Amino acid sequence: DCLSDREKLCKFYVGQGFIKVNECLVFGKYPTA
């Protein structure tokens, strides 16, 4: 998982074969992918 607003990091993970399966607020305050 990572913070969902880290677009470059999220794209990096997708480029490594990962698929985003969920996005939610963790601990009520961290938007997490």
Full PDB file with SEQRES, HELIX, SHEET, SSBOND, CRYST1, ORIGX, SCALE, CONECT and MASTER records, all heavy atoms in Angstrom:
SEQRES   1 A   33  ASP CYS LEU SER ASP ARG GLU LYS LEU CYS LYS PHE TYR          
SEQRES   2 A   33  VAL GLY GLN GLY PHE ILE LYS VAL ASN GLU CYS LEU VAL          
SEQRES   3 A   33  PHE GLY LYS TYR PRO THR ALA                                  
HELIX    1 AA1 GLU A    7  GLY A   15  1                                   9    
SHEET    1 AA1 2 CYS A  24  VAL A  26  0                                        
SHEET    2 AA1 2 TYR A  30  THR A  32 -1                                        
CRYST1    1.000    1.000    1.000  90.00  90.00  90.00 P 1           1          
ORIGX1      1.000000  0.000000  0.000000        0.00000                         
ORIGX2      0.000000  1.000000  0.000000        0.00000                         
ORIGX3      0.000000  0.000000  1.000000        0.00000                         
SCALE1      1.000000  0.000000  0.000000        0.00000                         
SCALE2      0.000000  1.000000  0.000000        0.00000                         
SCALE3      0.000000  0.000000  1.000000        0.00000                         
ATOM      1  N   ASP A   1       0.852  -1.185   0.000  1.00  0.00           N  
ATOM      2  CA  ASP A   1       0.000   0.000   0.000  1.00  0.00           C  
ATOM      3  C   ASP A   1       0.887   1.234   0.000  1.00  0.00           C  
ATOM      4  O   ASP A   1       2.068   1.163   0.325  1.00  0.00           O  
ATOM      5  CB  ASP A   1      -0.927   0.007   1.222  1.00  0.00           C  
ATOM      6  CG  ASP A   1      -0.164   0.053   2.523  1.00  0.00           C  
ATOM      7  OD1 ASP A   1       0.172   1.165   2.972  1.00  0.00           O  
ATOM      8  OD2 ASP A   1       0.117  -1.023   3.094  1.00  0.00           O  
ATOM      9  N   CYS A   2       0.299   2.350  -0.403  1.00  0.00           N  
ATOM     10  CA  CYS A   2       0.996   3.630  -0.364  1.00  0.00           C  
ATOM     11  C   CYS A   2      -0.049   4.742  -0.327  1.00  0.00           C  
ATOM     12  O   CYS A   2      -1.229   4.491  -0.581  1.00  0.00           O  
ATOM     13  CB  CYS A   2       1.938   3.809  -1.549  1.00  0.00           C  
ATOM     14  SG  CYS A   2       1.131   4.007  -3.145  1.00  0.00           S  
ATOM     15  N   LEU A   3       0.387   5.932  -0.023  1.00  0.00           N  
ATOM     16  CA  LEU A   3      -0.537   7.059  -0.056  1.00  0.00           C  
ATOM     17  C   LEU A   3      -1.044   7.230  -1.483  1.00  0.00           C  
ATOM     18  O   LEU A   3      -0.269   7.226  -2.437  1.00  0.00           O  
ATOM     19  CB  LEU A   3       0.145   8.335   0.436  1.00  0.00           C  
ATOM     20  CG  LEU A   3       0.514   8.345   1.917  1.00  0.00           C  
ATOM     21  CD1 LEU A   3       1.258   9.624   2.271  1.00  0.00           C  
ATOM     22  CD2 LEU A   3      -0.727   8.200   2.790  1.00  0.00           C  
ATOM     23  N   SER A   4      -2.346   7.366  -1.619  1.00  0.00           N  
ATOM     24  CA  SER A   4      -2.949   7.375  -2.964  1.00  0.00           C  
ATOM     25  C   SER A   4      -2.653   8.643  -3.752  1.00  0.00           C  
ATOM     26  O   SER A   4      -2.785   8.645  -4.973  1.00  0.00           O  
ATOM     27  CB  SER A   4      -4.458   7.151  -2.868  1.00  0.00           C  
ATOM     28  OG  SER A   4      -5.053   8.135  -2.064  1.00  0.00           O  
ATOM     29  N   ASP A   5      -2.207   9.712  -3.080  1.00  0.00           N  
ATOM     30  CA  ASP A   5      -1.897  10.937  -3.823  1.00  0.00           C  
ATOM     31  C   ASP A   5      -0.473  10.935  -4.389  1.00  0.00           C  
ATOM     32  O   ASP A   5      -0.066  11.888  -5.035  1.00  0.00           O  
ATOM     33  CB  ASP A   5      -2.121  12.179  -2.951  1.00  0.00           C  
ATOM     34  CG  ASP A   5      -1.182  12.249  -1.760  1.00  0.00           C  
ATOM     35  OD1 ASP A   5      -0.445  11.268  -1.493  1.00  0.00           O  
ATOM     36  OD2 ASP A   5      -1.193  13.294  -1.072  1.00  0.00           O  
ATOM     37  N   ARG A   6       0.256   9.861  -4.196  1.00  0.00           N  
ATOM     38  CA  ARG A   6       1.608   9.726  -4.754  1.00  0.00           C  
ATOM     39  C   ARG A   6       1.507   9.106  -6.145  1.00  0.00           C  
ATOM     40  O   ARG A   6       1.733   7.919  -6.342  1.00  0.00           O  
ATOM     41  CB  ARG A   6       2.490   8.875  -3.847  1.00  0.00           C  
ATOM     42  CG  ARG A   6       2.625   9.429  -2.466  1.00  0.00           C  
ATOM     43  CD  ARG A   6       3.381  10.778  -2.490  1.00  0.00           C  
ATOM     44  NE  ARG A   6       3.095  11.594  -1.345  1.00  0.00           N  
ATOM     45  CZ  ARG A   6       3.622  11.464  -0.150  1.00  0.00           C  
ATOM     46  NH1 ARG A   6       4.483  10.517   0.089  1.00  0.00           N  
ATOM     47  NH2 ARG A   6       3.290  12.284   0.823  1.00  0.00           N  
ATOM     48  N   GLU A   7       1.106   9.949  -7.108  1.00  0.00           N  
ATOM     49  CA  GLU A   7       0.824   9.456  -8.455  1.00  0.00           C  
ATOM     50  C   GLU A   7       2.016   8.736  -9.078  1.00  0.00           C  
ATOM     51  O   GLU A   7       1.861   7.676  -9.690  1.00  0.00           O  
ATOM     52  CB  GLU A   7       0.376  10.607  -9.355  1.00  0.00           C  
ATOM     53  CG  GLU A   7      -0.994  11.135  -9.002  1.00  0.00           C  
ATOM     54  CD  GLU A   7      -1.418  12.292  -9.892  1.00  0.00           C  
ATOM     55  OE1 GLU A   7      -1.018  12.314 -11.076  1.00  0.00           O  
ATOM     56  OE2 GLU A   7      -2.159  13.159  -9.395  1.00  0.00           O  
ATOM     57  N   LYS A   8       3.204   9.297  -8.939  1.00  0.00           N  
ATOM     58  CA  LYS A   8       4.398   8.683  -9.536  1.00  0.00           C  
ATOM     59  C   LYS A   8       4.666   7.306  -8.918  1.00  0.00           C  
ATOM     60  O   LYS A   8       4.988   6.352  -9.628  1.00  0.00           O  
ATOM     61  CB  LYS A   8       5.595   9.607  -9.352  1.00  0.00           C  
ATOM     62  CG  LYS A   8       6.839   9.157 -10.062  1.00  0.00           C  
ATOM     63  CD  LYS A   8       7.951  10.193  -9.920  1.00  0.00           C  
ATOM     64  CE  LYS A   8       9.220   9.713 -10.581  1.00  0.00           C  
ATOM     65  NZ  LYS A   8      10.325  10.661 -10.402  1.00  0.00           N  
ATOM     66  N   LEU A   9       4.512   7.206  -7.611  1.00  0.00           N  
ATOM     67  CA  LEU A   9       4.727   5.932  -6.930  1.00  0.00           C  
ATOM     68  C   LEU A   9       3.665   4.911  -7.337  1.00  0.00           C  
ATOM     69  O   LEU A   9       3.983   3.747  -7.609  1.00  0.00           O  
ATOM     70  CB  LEU A   9       4.731   6.144  -5.418  1.00  0.00           C  
ATOM     71  CG  LEU A   9       5.041   4.931  -4.556  1.00  0.00           C  
ATOM     72  CD1 LEU A   9       6.390   4.318  -4.916  1.00  0.00           C  
ATOM     73  CD2 LEU A   9       4.993   5.317  -3.079  1.00  0.00           C  
ATOM     74  N   CYS A  10       2.409   5.345  -7.397  1.00  0.00           N  
ATOM     75  CA  CYS A  10       1.336   4.439  -7.831  1.00  0.00           C  
ATOM     76  C   CYS A  10       1.595   3.933  -9.251  1.00  0.00           C  
ATOM     77  O   CYS A  10       1.432   2.740  -9.529  1.00  0.00           O  
ATOM     78  CB  CYS A  10      -0.017   5.133  -7.732  1.00  0.00           C  
ATOM     79  SG  CYS A  10      -0.580   5.436  -6.038  1.00  0.00           S  
ATOM     80  N   LYS A  11       2.023   4.826 -10.139  1.00  0.00           N  
ATOM     81  CA  LYS A  11       2.337   4.410 -11.515  1.00  0.00           C  
ATOM     82  C   LYS A  11       3.522   3.448 -11.547  1.00  0.00           C  
ATOM     83  O   LYS A  11       3.542   2.511 -12.345  1.00  0.00           O  
ATOM     84  CB  LYS A  11       2.637   5.635 -12.383  1.00  0.00           C  
ATOM     85  CG  LYS A  11       1.405   6.423 -12.756  1.00  0.00           C  
ATOM     86  CD  LYS A  11       1.758   7.621 -13.621  1.00  0.00           C  
ATOM     87  CE  LYS A  11       0.512   8.428 -13.918  1.00  0.00           C  
ATOM     88  NZ  LYS A  11       0.809   9.642 -14.690  1.00  0.00           N  
ATOM     89  N   PHE A  12       4.492   3.678 -10.679  1.00  0.00           N  
ATOM     90  CA  PHE A  12       5.631   2.765 -10.592  1.00  0.00           C  
ATOM     91  C   PHE A  12       5.159   1.358 -10.237  1.00  0.00           C  
ATOM     92  O   PHE A  12       5.555   0.373 -10.868  1.00  0.00           O  
ATOM     93  CB  PHE A  12       6.649   3.267  -9.562  1.00  0.00           C  
ATOM     94  CG  PHE A  12       7.703   2.257  -9.224  1.00  0.00           C  
ATOM     95  CD1 PHE A  12       8.724   1.982 -10.117  1.00  0.00           C  
ATOM     96  CD2 PHE A  12       7.659   1.560  -8.024  1.00  0.00           C  
ATOM     97  CE1 PHE A  12       9.696   1.024  -9.816  1.00  0.00           C  
ATOM     98  CE2 PHE A  12       8.615   0.610  -7.719  1.00  0.00           C  
ATOM     99  CZ  PHE A  12       9.641   0.341  -8.610  1.00  0.00           C  
ATOM    100  N   TYR A  13       4.293   1.257  -9.222  1.00  0.00           N  
ATOM    101  CA  TYR A  13       3.802  -0.067  -8.822  1.00  0.00           C  
ATOM    102  C   TYR A  13       3.011  -0.733  -9.943  1.00  0.00           C  
ATOM    103  O   TYR A  13       3.182  -1.926 -10.206  1.00  0.00           O  
ATOM    104  CB  TYR A  13       2.970   0.020  -7.542  1.00  0.00           C  
ATOM    105  CG  TYR A  13       3.794   0.332  -6.313  1.00  0.00           C  
ATOM    106  CD1 TYR A  13       3.345   1.248  -5.369  1.00  0.00           C  
ATOM    107  CD2 TYR A  13       5.020  -0.284  -6.092  1.00  0.00           C  
ATOM    108  CE1 TYR A  13       4.096   1.532  -4.235  1.00  0.00           C  
ATOM    109  CE2 TYR A  13       5.776   0.002  -4.973  1.00  0.00           C  
ATOM    110  CZ  TYR A  13       5.313   0.907  -4.047  1.00  0.00           C  
ATOM    111  OH  TYR A  13       6.060   1.191  -2.926  1.00  0.00           O  
ATOM    112  N   VAL A  14       2.183   0.025 -10.635  1.00  0.00           N  
ATOM    113  CA  VAL A  14       1.439  -0.534 -11.776  1.00  0.00           C  
ATOM    114  C   VAL A  14       2.426  -1.027 -12.833  1.00  0.00           C  
ATOM    115  O   VAL A  14       2.250  -2.108 -13.405  1.00  0.00           O  
ATOM    116  CB  VAL A  14       0.445   0.505 -12.339  1.00  0.00           C  
ATOM    117  CG1 VAL A  14      -0.132   0.035 -13.663  1.00  0.00           C  
ATOM    118  CG2 VAL A  14      -0.678   0.762 -11.330  1.00  0.00           C  
ATOM    119  N   GLY A  15       3.472  -0.280 -13.061  1.00  0.00           N  
ATOM    120  CA  GLY A  15       4.489  -0.682 -14.033  1.00  0.00           C  
ATOM    121  C   GLY A  15       5.248  -1.935 -13.628  1.00  0.00           C  
ATOM    122  O   GLY A  15       5.872  -2.590 -14.465  1.00  0.00           O  
ATOM    123  N   GLN A  16       5.185  -2.273 -12.361  1.00  0.00           N  
ATOM    124  CA  GLN A  16       5.841  -3.489 -11.866  1.00  0.00           C  
ATOM    125  C   GLN A  16       4.867  -4.664 -11.763  1.00  0.00           C  
ATOM    126  O   GLN A  16       5.174  -5.679 -11.145  1.00  0.00           O  
ATOM    127  CB  GLN A  16       6.490  -3.224 -10.501  1.00  0.00           C  
ATOM    128  CG  GLN A  16       7.575  -2.174 -10.534  1.00  0.00           C  
ATOM    129  CD  GLN A  16       8.619  -2.485 -11.581  1.00  0.00           C  
ATOM    130  OE1 GLN A  16       9.175  -3.581 -11.620  1.00  0.00           O  
ATOM    131  NE2 GLN A  16       8.885  -1.531 -12.460  1.00  0.00           N  
ATOM    132  N   GLY A  17       3.692  -4.519 -12.361  1.00  0.00           N  
ATOM    133  CA  GLY A  17       2.742  -5.622 -12.408  1.00  0.00           C  
ATOM    134  C   GLY A  17       1.687  -5.616 -11.325  1.00  0.00           C  
ATOM    135  O   GLY A  17       0.935  -6.580 -11.184  1.00  0.00           O  
ATOM    136  N   PHE A  18       1.618  -4.544 -10.559  1.00  0.00           N  
ATOM    137  CA  PHE A  18       0.620  -4.452  -9.497  1.00  0.00           C  
ATOM    138  C   PHE A  18      -0.661  -3.827 -10.035  1.00  0.00           C  
ATOM    139  O   PHE A  18      -0.635  -3.008 -10.945  1.00  0.00           O  
ATOM    140  CB  PHE A  18       1.148  -3.608  -8.322  1.00  0.00           C  
ATOM    141  CG  PHE A  18       2.204  -4.310  -7.516  1.00  0.00           C  
ATOM    142  CD1 PHE A  18       3.519  -4.343  -7.947  1.00  0.00           C  
ATOM    143  CD2 PHE A  18       1.886  -4.944  -6.330  1.00  0.00           C  
ATOM    144  CE1 PHE A  18       4.505  -4.989  -7.215  1.00  0.00           C  
ATOM    145  CE2 PHE A  18       2.854  -5.592  -5.585  1.00  0.00           C  
ATOM    146  CZ  PHE A  18       4.167  -5.617  -6.030  1.00  0.00           C  
ATOM    147  N   ILE A  19      -1.768  -4.224  -9.435  1.00  0.00           N  
ATOM    148  CA  ILE A  19      -3.089  -3.698  -9.786  1.00  0.00           C  
ATOM    149  C   ILE A  19      -3.665  -3.056  -8.530  1.00  0.00           C  
ATOM    150  O   ILE A  19      -3.622  -3.660  -7.447  1.00  0.00           O  
ATOM    151  CB  ILE A  19      -4.021  -4.834 -10.263  1.00  0.00           C  
ATOM    152  CG1 ILE A  19      -3.467  -5.487 -11.524  1.00  0.00           C  
ATOM    153  CG2 ILE A  19      -5.434  -4.324 -10.481  1.00  0.00           C  
ATOM    154  CD1 ILE A  19      -4.131  -6.804 -11.854  1.00  0.00           C  
ATOM    155  N   LYS A  20      -4.208  -1.843  -8.684  1.00  0.00           N  
ATOM    156  CA  LYS A  20      -4.857  -1.209  -7.529  1.00  0.00           C  
ATOM    157  C   LYS A  20      -6.176  -1.924  -7.292  1.00  0.00           C  
ATOM    158  O   LYS A  20      -7.022  -1.995  -8.173  1.00  0.00           O  
ATOM    159  CB  LYS A  20      -5.081   0.279  -7.765  1.00  0.00           C  
ATOM    160  CG  LYS A  20      -5.667   0.963  -6.534  1.00  0.00           C  
ATOM    161  CD  LYS A  20      -5.541   2.468  -6.524  1.00  0.00           C  
ATOM    162  CE  LYS A  20      -6.365   3.123  -7.568  1.00  0.00           C  
ATOM    163  NZ  LYS A  20      -6.455   4.584  -7.383  1.00  0.00           N  
ATOM    164  N   VAL A  21      -6.342  -2.448  -6.073  1.00  0.00           N  
ATOM    165  CA  VAL A  21      -7.537  -3.223  -5.749  1.00  0.00           C  
ATOM    166  C   VAL A  21      -8.457  -2.506  -4.768  1.00  0.00           C  
ATOM    167  O   VAL A  21      -9.595  -2.931  -4.569  1.00  0.00           O  
ATOM    168  CB  VAL A  21      -7.171  -4.621  -5.203  1.00  0.00           C  
ATOM    169  CG1 VAL A  21      -6.492  -5.457  -6.287  1.00  0.00           C  
ATOM    170  CG2 VAL A  21      -6.299  -4.521  -3.957  1.00  0.00           C  
ATOM    171  N   ASN A  22      -7.975  -1.419  -4.168  1.00  0.00           N  
ATOM    172  CA  ASN A  22      -8.811  -0.693  -3.218  1.00  0.00           C  
ATOM    173  C   ASN A  22      -8.170   0.660  -2.933  1.00  0.00           C  
ATOM    174  O   ASN A  22      -6.969   0.844  -3.124  1.00  0.00           O  
ATOM    175  CB  ASN A  22      -8.973  -1.473  -1.913  1.00  0.00           C  
ATOM    176  CG  ASN A  22     -10.058  -0.923  -1.014  1.00  0.00           C  
ATOM    177  OD1 ASN A  22     -10.921  -0.164  -1.450  1.00  0.00           O  
ATOM    178  ND2 ASN A  22     -10.027  -1.307   0.252  1.00  0.00           N  
ATOM    179  N   GLU A  23      -9.001   1.582  -2.483  1.00  0.00           N  
ATOM    180  CA  GLU A  23      -8.527   2.873  -2.016  1.00  0.00           C  
ATOM    181  C   GLU A  23      -9.467   3.307  -0.907  1.00  0.00           C  
ATOM    182  O   GLU A  23     -10.682   3.228  -1.056  1.00  0.00           O  
ATOM    183  CB  GLU A  23      -8.523   3.890  -3.160  1.00  0.00           C  
ATOM    184  CG  GLU A  23      -7.810   5.164  -2.821  1.00  0.00           C  
ATOM    185  CD  GLU A  23      -7.610   6.070  -4.024  1.00  0.00           C  
ATOM    186  OE1 GLU A  23      -7.377   5.562  -5.141  1.00  0.00           O  
ATOM    187  OE2 GLU A  23      -7.687   7.290  -3.821  1.00  0.00           O  
ATOM    188  N   CYS A  24      -8.895   3.723   0.215  1.00  0.00           N  
ATOM    189  CA  CYS A  24      -9.719   4.156   1.342  1.00  0.00           C  
ATOM    190  C   CYS A  24      -8.893   5.021   2.282  1.00  0.00           C  
ATOM    191  O   CYS A  24      -7.681   5.135   2.128  1.00  0.00           O  
ATOM    192  CB  CYS A  24     -10.307   2.954   2.083  1.00  0.00           C  
ATOM    193  SG  CYS A  24      -9.093   1.914   2.900  1.00  0.00           S  
ATOM    194  N   LEU A  25      -9.572   5.610   3.252  1.00  0.00           N  
ATOM    195  CA  LEU A  25      -8.893   6.372   4.295  1.00  0.00           C  
ATOM    196  C   LEU A  25      -8.446   5.402   5.378  1.00  0.00           C  
ATOM    197  O   LEU A  25      -9.264   4.669   5.940  1.00  0.00           O  
ATOM    198  CB  LEU A  25      -9.818   7.416   4.911  1.00  0.00           C  
ATOM    199  CG  LEU A  25     -10.048   8.693   4.133  1.00  0.00           C  
ATOM    200  CD1 LEU A  25     -11.016   9.608   4.890  1.00  0.00           C  
ATOM    201  CD2 LEU A  25      -8.743   9.421   3.863  1.00  0.00           C  
ATOM    202  N   VAL A  26      -7.156   5.380   5.666  1.00  0.00           N  
ATOM    203  CA  VAL A  26      -6.625   4.537   6.724  1.00  0.00           C  
ATOM    204  C   VAL A  26      -6.530   5.387   7.988  1.00  0.00           C  
ATOM    205  O   VAL A  26      -6.086   6.534   7.935  1.00  0.00           O  
ATOM    206  CB  VAL A  26      -5.249   3.969   6.326  1.00  0.00           C  
ATOM    207  CG1 VAL A  26      -4.591   3.255   7.490  1.00  0.00           C  
ATOM    208  CG2 VAL A  26      -5.400   3.015   5.146  1.00  0.00           C  
ATOM    209  N   PHE A  27      -6.963   4.824   9.097  1.00  0.00           N  
ATOM    210  CA  PHE A  27      -7.000   5.520  10.378  1.00  0.00           C  
ATOM    211  C   PHE A  27      -7.789   6.821  10.276  1.00  0.00           C  
ATOM    212  O   PHE A  27      -7.520   7.788  10.986  1.00  0.00           O  
ATOM    213  CB  PHE A  27      -5.594   5.794  10.919  1.00  0.00           C  
ATOM    214  CG  PHE A  27      -4.727   4.566  10.996  1.00  0.00           C  
ATOM    215  CD1 PHE A  27      -3.487   4.540  10.394  1.00  0.00           C  
ATOM    216  CD2 PHE A  27      -5.161   3.430  11.662  1.00  0.00           C  
ATOM    217  CE1 PHE A  27      -2.686   3.408  10.460  1.00  0.00           C  
ATOM    218  CE2 PHE A  27      -4.367   2.299  11.730  1.00  0.00           C  
ATOM    219  CZ  PHE A  27      -3.124   2.288  11.127  1.00  0.00           C  
ATOM    220  N   GLY A  28      -8.741   6.854   9.342  1.00  0.00           N  
ATOM    221  CA  GLY A  28      -9.616   7.996   9.187  1.00  0.00           C  
ATOM    222  C   GLY A  28      -8.997   9.246   8.596  1.00  0.00           C  
ATOM    223  O   GLY A  28      -9.651  10.270   8.496  1.00  0.00           O  
ATOM    224  N   LYS A  29      -7.705   9.157   8.176  1.00  0.00           N  
ATOM    225  CA  LYS A  29      -7.084  10.381   7.671  1.00  0.00           C  
ATOM    226  C   LYS A  29      -6.065  10.200   6.551  1.00  0.00           C  
ATOM    227  O   LYS A  29      -5.678  11.182   5.931  1.00  0.00           O  
ATOM    228  CB  LYS A  29      -6.451  11.173   8.810  1.00  0.00           C  
ATOM    229  CG  LYS A  29      -5.359  10.471   9.560  1.00  0.00           C  
ATOM    230  CD  LYS A  29      -4.853  11.372  10.691  1.00  0.00           C  
ATOM    231  CE  LYS A  29      -3.762  10.684  11.492  1.00  0.00           C  
ATOM    232  NZ  LYS A  29      -3.239  11.554  12.546  1.00  0.00           N  
ATOM    233  N   TYR A  30      -5.606   9.005   6.267  1.00  0.00           N  
ATOM    234  CA  TYR A  30      -4.585   8.798   5.240  1.00  0.00           C  
ATOM    235  C   TYR A  30      -5.203   8.159   4.001  1.00  0.00           C  
ATOM    236  O   TYR A  30      -5.532   6.964   4.029  1.00  0.00           O  
ATOM    237  CB  TYR A  30      -3.456   7.909   5.760  1.00  0.00           C  
ATOM    238  CG  TYR A  30      -2.765   8.459   6.982  1.00  0.00           C  
ATOM    239  CD1 TYR A  30      -2.941   7.867   8.232  1.00  0.00           C  
ATOM    240  CD2 TYR A  30      -1.948   9.580   6.884  1.00  0.00           C  
ATOM    241  CE1 TYR A  30      -2.307   8.370   9.358  1.00  0.00           C  
ATOM    242  CE2 TYR A  30      -1.307  10.096   8.005  1.00  0.00           C  
ATOM    243  CZ  TYR A  30      -1.497   9.482   9.235  1.00  0.00           C  
ATOM    244  OH  TYR A  30      -0.875   9.994  10.346  1.00  0.00           O  
ATOM    245  N   PRO A  31      -5.349   8.917   2.899  1.00  0.00           N  
ATOM    246  CA  PRO A  31      -5.873   8.311   1.669  1.00  0.00           C  
ATOM    247  C   PRO A  31      -4.854   7.305   1.128  1.00  0.00           C  
ATOM    248  O   PRO A  31      -3.741   7.683   0.749  1.00  0.00           O  
ATOM    249  CB  PRO A  31      -6.065   9.500   0.734  1.00  0.00           C  
ATOM    250  CG  PRO A  31      -5.173  10.567   1.265  1.00  0.00           C  
ATOM    251  CD  PRO A  31      -5.003  10.323   2.729  1.00  0.00           C  
ATOM    252  N   THR A  32      -5.246   6.049   1.138  1.00  0.00           N  
ATOM    253  CA  THR A  32      -4.310   4.966   0.851  1.00  0.00           C  
ATOM    254  C   THR A  32      -4.797   4.117  -0.310  1.00  0.00           C  
ATOM    255  O   THR A  32      -5.971   3.766  -0.382  1.00  0.00           O  
ATOM    256  CB  THR A  32      -4.132   4.083   2.115  1.00  0.00           C  
ATOM    257  OG1 THR A  32      -3.699   4.928   3.193  1.00  0.00           O  
ATOM    258  CG2 THR A  32      -3.124   2.981   1.894  1.00  0.00           C  
ATOM    259  N   ALA A  33      -3.862   3.793  -1.198  1.00  0.00           N  
ATOM    260  CA  ALA A  33      -4.129   2.886  -2.314  1.00  0.00           C  
ATOM    261  C   ALA A  33      -3.529   1.522  -1.970  1.00  0.00           C  
ATOM    262  O   ALA A  33      -2.402   1.439  -1.473  1.00  0.00           O  
ATOM    263  CB  ALA A  33      -3.510   3.428  -3.600  1.00  0.00           C  
TER     264      ALA A  33                                                      
MASTER        0    0    0    1    2    0    0    6  263    1    0    3          
END                                                                             
